Amino acid sequence: MTTEQVYAIGMALVNAVIVLACLRIREPRSVGAVQLLRWAFAAMAVSWALFLVPSQPLFFAVGFFASAAYLWLMAAFAFRRSGRPIPWVWILLVYAAHASITAFFAVQGNVPAGLHATTVFASLALLPVAYLFLAVKPNRTVSDIAFAAAHLALVIVAAVRTVLLLVAPQWLEGSIMVSQVLWPGV
């Protein structure tokens, strides 16, 4: 087993543990935000598990669909948690575009183009998450602010990665896991 496969197994297991931890959270059935959070982390666990076999183009492509699902389920979670209606049509359309484009680039072996596209789509998903938790959600807590800050940090990391790919593309040649370390699962 390669180092990359061990890392992918570890990340899949971490996300599976988060899913199991979410099962212990109780919330009113009328809210339903935690269910979206569970599904998001389950999608991320599946994504990492599928990245174990990158030599299989179908698994690799489905892994990108699963990792994109994580981002868009997190966006849905943020809408639900902040008490706003979830714009499902918009989320599903942009998710389909995101997953299709990044999977296409990955299967074609054009990893830099896929990473650039992911930066755009991740920003579309995660900037609203931060906004909803910082400006819209009533009764904000410290953990809400930390959650928003973490998502802003991920957008910044993705933007920095895009700039690095433009000015020094050779940094990616060592391993695809270099990118995964900077932006897990996406």
N, C-alpha and C. Protein backbone atom coordinates (compact mmCIF):
# COMPACT_ATOMS: atom_id res chain seq x y z
N MET A 1 0.84 -1.17 0.00
CA MET A 1 0.00 0.00 0.00
C MET A 1 0.89 1.24 0.00
N THR A 2 0.56 2.20 -0.85
CA THR A 2 1.37 3.42 -0.96
C THR A 2 1.03 4.38 0.17
N THR A 3 1.89 5.36 0.35
CA THR A 3 1.66 6.40 1.35
C THR A 3 0.36 7.14 1.04
N GLU A 4 0.11 7.39 -0.24
CA GLU A 4 -1.11 8.10 -0.63
C GLU A 4 -2.36 7.29 -0.28
N GLN A 5 -2.30 5.97 -0.44
CA GLN A 5 -3.44 5.13 -0.10
C GLN A 5 -3.67 5.10 1.41
N VAL A 6 -2.60 5.05 2.18
CA VAL A 6 -2.74 5.08 3.64
C VAL A 6 -3.37 6.41 4.06
N TYR A 7 -2.93 7.50 3.46
CA TYR A 7 -3.49 8.82 3.77
C TYR A 7 -4.97 8.85 3.41
N ALA A 8 -5.34 8.33 2.25
CA ALA A 8 -6.74 8.32 1.82
C ALA A 8 -7.60 7.49 2.76
N ILE A 9 -7.09 6.33 3.19
CA ILE A 9 -7.83 5.51 4.15
C ILE A 9 -8.04 6.30 5.45
N GLY A 10 -7.00 6.95 5.91
CA GLY A 10 -7.10 7.75 7.13
C GLY A 10 -8.14 8.84 7.02
N MET A 11 -8.14 9.55 5.91
CA MET A 11 -9.12 10.63 5.72
C MET A 11 -10.54 10.08 5.61
N ALA A 12 -10.70 8.94 4.93
CA ALA A 12 -12.02 8.32 4.83
C ALA A 12 -12.52 7.93 6.21
N LEU A 13 -11.63 7.35 7.03
CA LEU A 13 -12.03 6.95 8.38
C LEU A 13 -12.35 8.14 9.27
N VAL A 14 -11.58 9.21 9.17
CA VAL A 14 -11.87 10.42 9.95
C VAL A 14 -13.26 10.94 9.61
N ASN A 15 -13.58 11.00 8.34
CA ASN A 15 -14.90 11.48 7.94
C ASN A 15 -16.00 10.52 8.38
N ALA A 16 -15.73 9.21 8.35
CA ALA A 16 -16.71 8.24 8.83
C ALA A 16 -16.96 8.42 10.33
N VAL A 17 -15.93 8.71 11.09
CA VAL A 17 -16.09 8.97 12.52
C VAL A 17 -16.93 10.22 12.75
N ILE A 18 -16.74 11.24 11.93
CA ILE A 18 -17.55 12.46 12.07
C ILE A 18 -19.02 12.15 11.79
N VAL A 19 -19.27 11.31 10.78
CA VAL A 19 -20.65 10.89 10.50
C VAL A 19 -21.25 10.20 11.72
N LEU A 20 -20.50 9.28 12.31
CA LEU A 20 -20.99 8.59 13.50
C LEU A 20 -21.21 9.55 14.66
N ALA A 21 -20.33 10.53 14.82
CA ALA A 21 -20.50 11.53 15.88
C ALA A 21 -21.77 12.36 15.64
N CYS A 22 -22.06 12.65 14.39
CA CYS A 22 -23.27 13.42 14.08
C CYS A 22 -24.54 12.66 14.45
N LEU A 23 -24.45 11.35 14.52
CA LEU A 23 -25.63 10.56 14.90
C LEU A 23 -26.04 10.83 16.34
N ARG A 24 -25.12 11.32 17.13
CA ARG A 24 -25.42 11.60 18.54
C ARG A 24 -26.02 12.97 18.76
N ILE A 25 -26.00 13.83 17.74
CA ILE A 25 -26.53 15.18 17.87
C ILE A 25 -28.04 15.13 17.76
N ARG A 26 -28.70 15.78 18.68
CA ARG A 26 -30.16 15.85 18.67
C ARG A 26 -30.57 17.28 18.31
N GLU A 27 -31.52 17.37 17.41
CA GLU A 27 -32.08 18.67 17.05
C GLU A 27 -33.55 18.47 16.75
N PRO A 28 -34.34 19.54 16.79
CA PRO A 28 -35.75 19.39 16.45
C PRO A 28 -35.89 18.88 15.01
N ARG A 29 -36.83 17.98 14.80
CA ARG A 29 -37.04 17.44 13.45
C ARG A 29 -37.34 18.53 12.44
N SER A 30 -37.92 19.63 12.90
CA SER A 30 -38.29 20.70 11.98
C SER A 30 -37.06 21.38 11.37
N VAL A 31 -35.92 21.31 12.05
CA VAL A 31 -34.72 21.97 11.54
C VAL A 31 -34.06 21.10 10.47
N GLY A 32 -33.62 19.92 10.82
CA GLY A 32 -33.04 18.98 9.85
C GLY A 32 -31.66 19.34 9.33
N ALA A 33 -30.98 20.28 9.95
CA ALA A 33 -29.66 20.69 9.47
C ALA A 33 -28.62 19.61 9.70
N VAL A 34 -28.70 18.92 10.83
CA VAL A 34 -27.68 17.92 11.15
C VAL A 34 -27.71 16.77 10.14
N GLN A 35 -28.89 16.45 9.64
CA GLN A 35 -28.99 15.39 8.62
C GLN A 35 -28.16 15.79 7.39
N LEU A 36 -28.20 17.05 6.99
CA LEU A 36 -27.39 17.52 5.85
C LEU A 36 -25.90 17.44 6.17
N LEU A 37 -25.55 17.77 7.42
CA LEU A 37 -24.15 17.69 7.84
C LEU A 37 -23.66 16.24 7.78
N ARG A 38 -24.50 15.31 8.25
CA ARG A 38 -24.15 13.88 8.18
C ARG A 38 -23.90 13.45 6.74
N TRP A 39 -24.81 13.83 5.86
CA TRP A 39 -24.68 13.45 4.46
C TRP A 39 -23.43 14.06 3.84
N ALA A 40 -23.11 15.29 4.24
CA ALA A 40 -21.90 15.95 3.71
C ALA A 40 -20.65 15.15 4.08
N PHE A 41 -20.52 14.80 5.36
CA PHE A 41 -19.33 14.06 5.78
C PHE A 41 -19.34 12.63 5.25
N ALA A 42 -20.51 12.05 5.06
CA ALA A 42 -20.58 10.72 4.44
C ALA A 42 -20.08 10.80 3.00
N ALA A 43 -20.47 11.85 2.28
CA ALA A 43 -19.99 12.03 0.90
C ALA A 43 -18.48 12.20 0.87
N MET A 44 -17.94 12.92 1.84
CA MET A 44 -16.49 13.10 1.90
C MET A 44 -15.79 11.78 2.20
N ALA A 45 -16.36 10.98 3.09
CA ALA A 45 -15.77 9.67 3.39
C ALA A 45 -15.76 8.79 2.14
N VAL A 46 -16.86 8.80 1.40
CA VAL A 46 -16.93 8.02 0.16
C VAL A 46 -15.91 8.54 -0.84
N SER A 47 -15.80 9.85 -0.93
CA SER A 47 -14.83 10.45 -1.85
C SER A 47 -13.42 9.96 -1.56
N TRP A 48 -13.01 10.03 -0.31
CA TRP A 48 -11.66 9.59 0.04
C TRP A 48 -11.49 8.11 -0.23
N ALA A 49 -12.51 7.30 0.08
CA ALA A 49 -12.41 5.87 -0.16
C ALA A 49 -12.24 5.58 -1.65
N LEU A 50 -12.93 6.32 -2.50
CA LEU A 50 -12.81 6.11 -3.94
C LEU A 50 -11.48 6.59 -4.50
N PHE A 51 -10.85 7.54 -3.84
CA PHE A 51 -9.55 8.00 -4.29
C PHE A 51 -8.45 6.96 -4.01
N LEU A 52 -8.81 5.88 -3.31
CA LEU A 52 -7.85 4.80 -3.07
C LEU A 52 -7.47 4.09 -4.36
N VAL A 53 -8.34 4.13 -5.35
CA VAL A 53 -8.09 3.43 -6.61
C VAL A 53 -8.13 4.41 -7.78
N PRO A 54 -7.19 5.36 -7.82
CA PRO A 54 -7.22 6.36 -8.89
C PRO A 54 -6.96 5.78 -10.27
N SER A 55 -6.46 4.54 -10.32
CA SER A 55 -6.21 3.93 -11.62
C SER A 55 -7.51 3.50 -12.30
N GLN A 56 -8.59 3.49 -11.56
CA GLN A 56 -9.91 3.16 -12.11
C GLN A 56 -10.64 4.46 -12.42
N PRO A 57 -10.74 4.85 -13.68
CA PRO A 57 -11.34 6.14 -14.02
C PRO A 57 -12.76 6.33 -13.48
N LEU A 58 -13.56 5.27 -13.45
CA LEU A 58 -14.93 5.41 -12.94
C LEU A 58 -14.91 5.76 -11.46
N PHE A 59 -14.11 5.06 -10.65
CA PHE A 59 -14.02 5.37 -9.22
C PHE A 59 -13.48 6.78 -9.01
N PHE A 60 -12.48 7.13 -9.80
CA PHE A 60 -11.89 8.46 -9.69
C PHE A 60 -12.93 9.54 -9.97
N ALA A 61 -13.71 9.35 -11.04
CA ALA A 61 -14.75 10.33 -11.40
C ALA A 61 -15.84 10.39 -10.33
N VAL A 62 -16.29 9.23 -9.86
CA VAL A 62 -17.33 9.20 -8.82
C VAL A 62 -16.80 9.85 -7.54
N GLY A 63 -15.51 9.70 -7.26
CA GLY A 63 -14.90 10.35 -6.11
C GLY A 63 -15.02 11.87 -6.20
N PHE A 64 -14.88 12.41 -7.41
CA PHE A 64 -15.04 13.85 -7.59
C PHE A 64 -16.50 14.28 -7.40
N PHE A 65 -17.43 13.45 -7.83
CA PHE A 65 -18.85 13.75 -7.60
C PHE A 65 -19.15 13.75 -6.10
N ALA A 66 -18.55 12.81 -5.38
CA ALA A 66 -18.77 12.73 -3.93
C ALA A 66 -18.14 13.92 -3.21
N SER A 67 -16.93 14.32 -3.62
CA SER A 67 -16.30 15.46 -2.94
C SER A 67 -17.03 16.76 -3.25
N ALA A 68 -17.58 16.89 -4.45
CA ALA A 68 -18.39 18.07 -4.77
C ALA A 68 -19.68 18.05 -3.95
N ALA A 69 -20.24 16.86 -3.73
CA ALA A 69 -21.45 16.75 -2.91
C ALA A 69 -21.18 17.27 -1.50
N TYR A 70 -19.99 17.01 -0.98
CA TYR A 70 -19.64 17.52 0.35
C TYR A 70 -19.80 19.04 0.40
N LEU A 71 -19.21 19.72 -0.57
CA LEU A 71 -19.27 21.19 -0.56
C LEU A 71 -20.70 21.71 -0.64
N TRP A 72 -21.48 21.13 -1.52
CA TRP A 72 -22.84 21.64 -1.74
C TRP A 72 -23.80 21.22 -0.63
N LEU A 73 -23.54 20.09 0.00
CA LEU A 73 -24.34 19.73 1.18
C LEU A 73 -23.99 20.65 2.36
N MET A 74 -22.74 21.07 2.43
CA MET A 74 -22.37 22.05 3.46
C MET A 74 -23.08 23.38 3.22
N ALA A 75 -23.20 23.75 1.95
CA ALA A 75 -23.94 24.99 1.64
C ALA A 75 -25.40 24.83 2.05
N ALA A 76 -26.00 23.69 1.74
CA ALA A 76 -27.39 23.45 2.14
C ALA A 76 -27.52 23.47 3.66
N PHE A 77 -26.56 22.85 4.35
CA PHE A 77 -26.54 22.87 5.81
C PHE A 77 -26.54 24.30 6.33
N ALA A 78 -25.71 25.16 5.75
CA ALA A 78 -25.62 26.55 6.21
C ALA A 78 -26.94 27.29 6.01
N PHE A 79 -27.58 27.08 4.87
CA PHE A 79 -28.88 27.71 4.66
C PHE A 79 -29.88 27.24 5.71
N ARG A 80 -29.95 25.92 5.92
CA ARG A 80 -30.90 25.37 6.87
C ARG A 80 -30.60 25.84 8.29
N ARG A 81 -29.31 25.83 8.66
CA ARG A 81 -28.90 26.21 10.02
C ARG A 81 -29.16 27.69 10.30
N SER A 82 -29.10 28.51 9.25
CA SER A 82 -29.34 29.94 9.44
C SER A 82 -30.82 30.30 9.31
N GLY A 83 -31.65 29.29 9.10
CA GLY A 83 -33.08 29.54 9.04
C GLY A 83 -33.58 30.03 7.70
N ARG A 84 -32.78 29.93 6.69
CA ARG A 84 -33.16 30.35 5.34
C ARG A 84 -33.60 29.15 4.51
N PRO A 85 -34.49 29.39 3.55
CA PRO A 85 -34.86 28.27 2.67
C PRO A 85 -33.66 27.85 1.81
N ILE A 86 -33.53 26.57 1.59
CA ILE A 86 -32.41 26.06 0.79
C ILE A 86 -32.76 26.22 -0.68
N PRO A 87 -31.90 26.91 -1.44
CA PRO A 87 -32.14 27.05 -2.89
C PRO A 87 -31.72 25.78 -3.64
N TRP A 88 -32.52 24.74 -3.51
CA TRP A 88 -32.14 23.42 -4.04
C TRP A 88 -31.87 23.42 -5.53
N VAL A 89 -32.67 24.15 -6.29
CA VAL A 89 -32.46 24.15 -7.75
C VAL A 89 -31.08 24.71 -8.06
N TRP A 90 -30.73 25.84 -7.47
CA TRP A 90 -29.42 26.45 -7.70
C TRP A 90 -28.31 25.51 -7.23
N ILE A 91 -28.46 24.95 -6.02
CA ILE A 91 -27.44 24.06 -5.47
C ILE A 91 -27.24 22.84 -6.38
N LEU A 92 -28.33 22.22 -6.81
CA LEU A 92 -28.21 21.02 -7.63
C LEU A 92 -27.62 21.31 -9.01
N LEU A 93 -27.99 22.44 -9.60
CA LEU A 93 -27.43 22.80 -10.90
C LEU A 93 -25.94 23.09 -10.82
N VAL A 94 -25.54 23.87 -9.84
CA VAL A 94 -24.13 24.20 -9.71
C VAL A 94 -23.33 22.98 -9.26
N TYR A 95 -23.92 22.13 -8.41
CA TYR A 95 -23.26 20.89 -8.03
C TYR A 95 -23.00 20.02 -9.26
N ALA A 96 -24.02 19.88 -10.11
CA ALA A 96 -23.86 19.04 -11.31
C ALA A 96 -22.75 19.59 -12.20
N ALA A 97 -22.71 20.91 -12.37
CA ALA A 97 -21.65 21.51 -13.18
C ALA A 97 -20.29 21.29 -12.51
N HIS A 98 -20.21 21.54 -11.23
CA HIS A 98 -18.96 21.38 -10.48
C HIS A 98 -18.43 19.96 -10.60
N ALA A 99 -19.26 18.99 -10.26
CA ALA A 99 -18.83 17.59 -10.28
C ALA A 99 -18.46 17.14 -11.68
N SER A 100 -19.25 17.51 -12.65
CA SER A 100 -18.99 17.08 -14.03
C SER A 100 -17.69 17.66 -14.57
N ILE A 101 -17.49 18.95 -14.34
CA ILE A 101 -16.29 19.61 -14.86
C ILE A 101 -15.03 19.08 -14.19
N THR A 102 -15.04 18.97 -12.86
CA THR A 102 -13.83 18.51 -12.18
C THR A 102 -13.56 17.03 -12.47
N ALA A 103 -14.60 16.22 -12.56
CA ALA A 103 -14.41 14.81 -12.90
C ALA A 103 -13.87 14.68 -14.32
N PHE A 104 -14.38 15.48 -15.24
CA PHE A 104 -13.89 15.45 -16.62
C PHE A 104 -12.41 15.76 -16.67
N PHE A 105 -12.00 16.86 -16.02
CA PHE A 105 -10.59 17.22 -16.02
C PHE A 105 -9.73 16.14 -15.37
N ALA A 106 -10.23 15.55 -14.29
CA ALA A 106 -9.46 14.52 -13.59
C ALA A 106 -9.28 13.29 -14.47
N VAL A 107 -10.35 12.83 -15.10
CA VAL A 107 -10.26 11.64 -15.94
C VAL A 107 -9.37 11.91 -17.16
N GLN A 108 -9.38 13.15 -17.65
CA GLN A 108 -8.53 13.52 -18.77
C GLN A 108 -7.07 13.72 -18.35
N GLY A 109 -6.83 13.73 -17.05
CA GLY A 109 -5.47 13.91 -16.55
C GLY A 109 -5.04 15.36 -16.47
N ASN A 110 -5.98 16.27 -16.60
CA ASN A 110 -5.67 17.70 -16.53
C ASN A 110 -5.96 18.19 -15.11
N VAL A 111 -5.13 17.77 -14.18
CA VAL A 111 -5.34 18.08 -12.77
C VAL A 111 -5.31 19.59 -12.51
N PRO A 112 -4.36 20.36 -13.06
CA PRO A 112 -4.38 21.80 -12.79
C PRO A 112 -5.70 22.48 -13.19
N ALA A 113 -6.24 22.13 -14.36
CA ALA A 113 -7.51 22.74 -14.78
C ALA A 113 -8.63 22.35 -13.80
N GLY A 114 -8.63 21.10 -13.35
CA GLY A 114 -9.62 20.67 -12.37
C GLY A 114 -9.50 21.42 -11.06
N LEU A 115 -8.27 21.66 -10.64
CA LEU A 115 -8.06 22.40 -9.39
C LEU A 115 -8.49 23.87 -9.53
N HIS A 116 -8.23 24.47 -10.70
CA HIS A 116 -8.69 25.84 -10.93
C HIS A 116 -10.21 25.90 -10.89
N ALA A 117 -10.86 24.94 -11.56
CA ALA A 117 -12.32 24.90 -11.56
C ALA A 117 -12.86 24.70 -10.15
N THR A 118 -12.19 23.85 -9.40
CA THR A 118 -12.62 23.61 -8.02
C THR A 118 -12.54 24.87 -7.18
N THR A 119 -11.53 25.69 -7.42
CA THR A 119 -11.42 26.95 -6.68
C THR A 119 -12.64 27.82 -6.93
N VAL A 120 -13.07 27.90 -8.17
CA VAL A 120 -14.25 28.71 -8.50
C VAL A 120 -15.49 28.14 -7.82
N PHE A 121 -15.70 26.83 -7.98
CA PHE A 121 -16.90 26.22 -7.42
C PHE A 121 -16.88 26.19 -5.89
N ALA A 122 -15.71 25.97 -5.30
CA ALA A 122 -15.61 25.98 -3.84
C ALA A 122 -15.94 27.37 -3.30
N SER A 123 -15.50 28.39 -4.01
CA SER A 123 -15.84 29.75 -3.59
C SER A 123 -17.34 29.99 -3.67
N LEU A 124 -17.97 29.48 -4.73
CA LEU A 124 -19.43 29.62 -4.87
C LEU A 124 -20.18 28.90 -3.75
N ALA A 125 -19.62 27.81 -3.27
CA ALA A 125 -20.28 27.04 -2.20
C ALA A 125 -19.95 27.59 -0.82
N LEU A 126 -18.68 27.92 -0.58
CA LEU A 126 -18.24 28.20 0.78
C LEU A 126 -18.34 29.67 1.20
N LEU A 127 -18.29 30.59 0.27
CA LEU A 127 -18.47 31.99 0.66
C LEU A 127 -19.89 32.23 1.20
N PRO A 128 -20.93 31.66 0.58
CA PRO A 128 -22.26 31.80 1.19
C PRO A 128 -22.35 31.14 2.58
N VAL A 129 -21.63 30.04 2.78
CA VAL A 129 -21.62 29.39 4.09
C VAL A 129 -21.11 30.38 5.14
N ALA A 130 -19.98 30.99 4.85
CA ALA A 130 -19.40 31.96 5.79
C ALA A 130 -20.34 33.14 6.01
N TYR A 131 -20.90 33.67 4.93
CA TYR A 131 -21.82 34.81 5.04
C TYR A 131 -23.03 34.43 5.90
N LEU A 132 -23.63 33.29 5.64
CA LEU A 132 -24.81 32.88 6.39
C LEU A 132 -24.51 32.72 7.88
N PHE A 133 -23.35 32.15 8.21
CA PHE A 133 -23.02 31.95 9.61
C PHE A 133 -22.57 33.24 10.30
N LEU A 134 -22.00 34.19 9.54
CA LEU A 134 -21.54 35.43 10.15
C LEU A 134 -22.59 36.53 10.17
N ALA A 135 -23.42 36.61 9.13
CA ALA A 135 -24.31 37.77 9.01
C ALA A 135 -25.80 37.44 9.11
N VAL A 136 -26.18 36.21 8.85
CA VAL A 136 -27.60 35.90 8.76
C VAL A 136 -28.10 35.09 9.95
N LYS A 137 -27.34 34.10 10.36
CA LYS A 137 -27.79 33.19 11.41
C LYS A 137 -28.06 33.95 12.71
N PRO A 138 -29.27 33.76 13.25
CA PRO A 138 -29.56 34.41 14.54
C PRO A 138 -28.83 33.68 15.67
N ASN A 139 -28.60 34.39 16.74
CA ASN A 139 -27.96 33.81 17.93
C ASN A 139 -26.64 33.12 17.62
N ARG A 140 -25.75 33.85 16.95
CA ARG A 140 -24.44 33.30 16.62
C ARG A 140 -23.68 32.93 17.88
N THR A 141 -22.93 31.85 17.77
CA THR A 141 -22.07 31.41 18.87
C THR A 141 -20.62 31.48 18.41
N VAL A 142 -19.72 31.23 19.31
CA VAL A 142 -18.30 31.20 18.96
C VAL A 142 -18.03 30.10 17.94
N SER A 143 -18.70 28.96 18.09
CA SER A 143 -18.48 27.88 17.14
C SER A 143 -19.01 28.24 15.75
N ASP A 144 -20.07 29.04 15.67
CA ASP A 144 -20.55 29.51 14.37
C ASP A 144 -19.51 30.39 13.69
N ILE A 145 -18.90 31.26 14.47
CA ILE A 145 -17.87 32.15 13.93
C ILE A 145 -16.65 31.33 13.49
N ALA A 146 -16.27 30.34 14.28
CA ALA A 146 -15.14 29.48 13.91
C ALA A 146 -15.47 28.68 12.65
N PHE A 147 -16.69 28.20 12.53
CA PHE A 147 -17.12 27.45 11.35
C PHE A 147 -17.01 28.34 10.10
N ALA A 148 -17.49 29.56 10.21
CA ALA A 148 -17.40 30.50 9.09
C ALA A 148 -15.95 30.81 8.76
N ALA A 149 -15.14 31.03 9.77
CA ALA A 149 -13.72 31.34 9.54
C ALA A 149 -13.01 30.17 8.87
N ALA A 150 -13.33 28.96 9.26
CA ALA A 150 -12.71 27.78 8.63
C ALA A 150 -13.06 27.72 7.15
N HIS A 151 -14.28 28.03 6.82
CA HIS A 151 -14.68 28.00 5.41
C HIS A 151 -14.04 29.15 4.62
N LEU A 152 -13.90 30.29 5.24
CA LEU A 152 -13.18 31.39 4.58
C LEU A 152 -11.71 30.99 4.36
N ALA A 153 -11.12 30.35 5.34
CA ALA A 153 -9.73 29.90 5.20
C ALA A 153 -9.59 28.90 4.05
N LEU A 154 -10.55 28.00 3.90
CA LEU A 154 -10.49 27.04 2.79
C LEU A 154 -10.56 27.75 1.44
N VAL A 155 -11.38 28.79 1.35
CA VAL A 155 -11.46 29.55 0.09
C VAL A 155 -10.12 30.23 -0.17
N ILE A 156 -9.52 30.79 0.87
CA ILE A 156 -8.22 31.46 0.71
C ILE A 156 -7.16 30.45 0.28
N VAL A 157 -7.15 29.26 0.90
CA VAL A 157 -6.18 28.23 0.54
C VAL A 157 -6.36 27.82 -0.92
N ALA A 158 -7.62 27.65 -1.34
CA ALA A 158 -7.87 27.28 -2.74
C ALA A 158 -7.39 28.37 -3.69
N ALA A 159 -7.62 29.64 -3.32
CA ALA A 159 -7.17 30.74 -4.17
C ALA A 159 -5.64 30.78 -4.24
N VAL A 160 -4.97 30.56 -3.12
CA VAL A 160 -3.51 30.53 -3.10
C VAL A 160 -3.01 29.37 -3.95
N ARG A 161 -3.68 28.22 -3.84
CA ARG A 161 -3.29 27.07 -4.66
C ARG A 161 -3.40 27.40 -6.15
N THR A 162 -4.46 28.10 -6.53
CA THR A 162 -4.64 28.48 -7.93
C THR A 162 -3.51 29.40 -8.38
N VAL A 163 -3.15 30.35 -7.56
CA VAL A 163 -2.05 31.26 -7.91
C VAL A 163 -0.75 30.47 -8.02
N LEU A 164 -0.51 29.56 -7.07
CA LEU A 164 0.70 28.73 -7.14
C LEU A 164 0.75 27.90 -8.42
N LEU A 165 -0.38 27.36 -8.81
CA LEU A 165 -0.43 26.58 -10.05
C LEU A 165 -0.11 27.43 -11.27
N LEU A 166 -0.48 28.70 -11.20
CA LEU A 166 -0.20 29.59 -12.34
C LEU A 166 1.26 30.01 -12.39
N VAL A 167 1.87 30.25 -11.22
CA VAL A 167 3.24 30.75 -11.22
C VAL A 167 4.29 29.65 -11.07
N ALA A 168 3.91 28.51 -10.48
CA ALA A 168 4.87 27.42 -10.28
C ALA A 168 4.16 26.08 -10.41
N PRO A 169 3.76 25.71 -11.63
CA PRO A 169 2.99 24.47 -11.80
C PRO A 169 3.76 23.20 -11.44
N GLN A 170 5.07 23.26 -11.39
CA GLN A 170 5.87 22.07 -11.09
C GLN A 170 5.66 21.57 -9.66
N TRP A 171 5.13 22.38 -8.76
CA TRP A 171 4.93 21.94 -7.39
C TRP A 171 3.93 20.78 -7.31
N LEU A 172 3.07 20.66 -8.29
CA LEU A 172 2.06 19.61 -8.29
C LEU A 172 2.61 18.29 -8.79
N GLU A 173 3.72 18.31 -9.48
CA GLU A 173 4.24 17.10 -10.13
C GLU A 173 4.64 16.01 -9.15
N GLY A 174 4.98 16.36 -7.91
CA GLY A 174 5.43 15.36 -6.95
C GLY A 174 4.36 14.34 -6.62
N SER A 175 3.13 14.81 -6.47
CA SER A 175 2.06 13.91 -6.07
C SER A 175 0.74 14.64 -6.07
N ILE A 176 -0.31 13.93 -6.42
CA ILE A 176 -1.65 14.51 -6.32
C ILE A 176 -1.99 14.76 -4.86
N MET A 177 -1.39 14.02 -3.94
CA MET A 177 -1.69 14.18 -2.52
C MET A 177 -1.20 15.52 -2.00
N VAL A 178 -0.25 16.16 -2.69
CA VAL A 178 0.14 17.51 -2.29
C VAL A 178 -1.08 18.39 -2.31
N SER A 179 -1.87 18.28 -3.35
CA SER A 179 -3.08 19.07 -3.45
C SER A 179 -4.09 18.65 -2.38
N GLN A 180 -4.18 17.36 -2.11
CA GLN A 180 -5.14 16.88 -1.12
C GLN A 180 -4.78 17.38 0.27
N VAL A 181 -3.50 17.52 0.56
CA VAL A 181 -3.10 18.05 1.86
C VAL A 181 -3.57 19.50 1.99
N LEU A 182 -3.43 20.27 0.91
CA LEU A 182 -3.84 21.66 0.97
C LEU A 182 -5.34 21.85 0.90
N TRP A 183 -6.03 20.91 0.30
CA TRP A 183 -7.45 21.07 0.11
C TRP A 183 -8.08 19.67 0.12
N PRO A 184 -8.21 19.08 1.29
CA PRO A 184 -8.63 17.68 1.37
C PRO A 184 -9.93 17.39 0.64
N GLY A 185 -9.88 16.34 -0.15
CA GLY A 185 -11.07 15.83 -0.79
C GLY A 185 -11.57 16.58 -1.97
N VAL A 186 -10.95 17.69 -2.28
CA VAL A 186 -11.46 18.49 -3.40
C VAL A 186 -10.37 18.67 -4.43
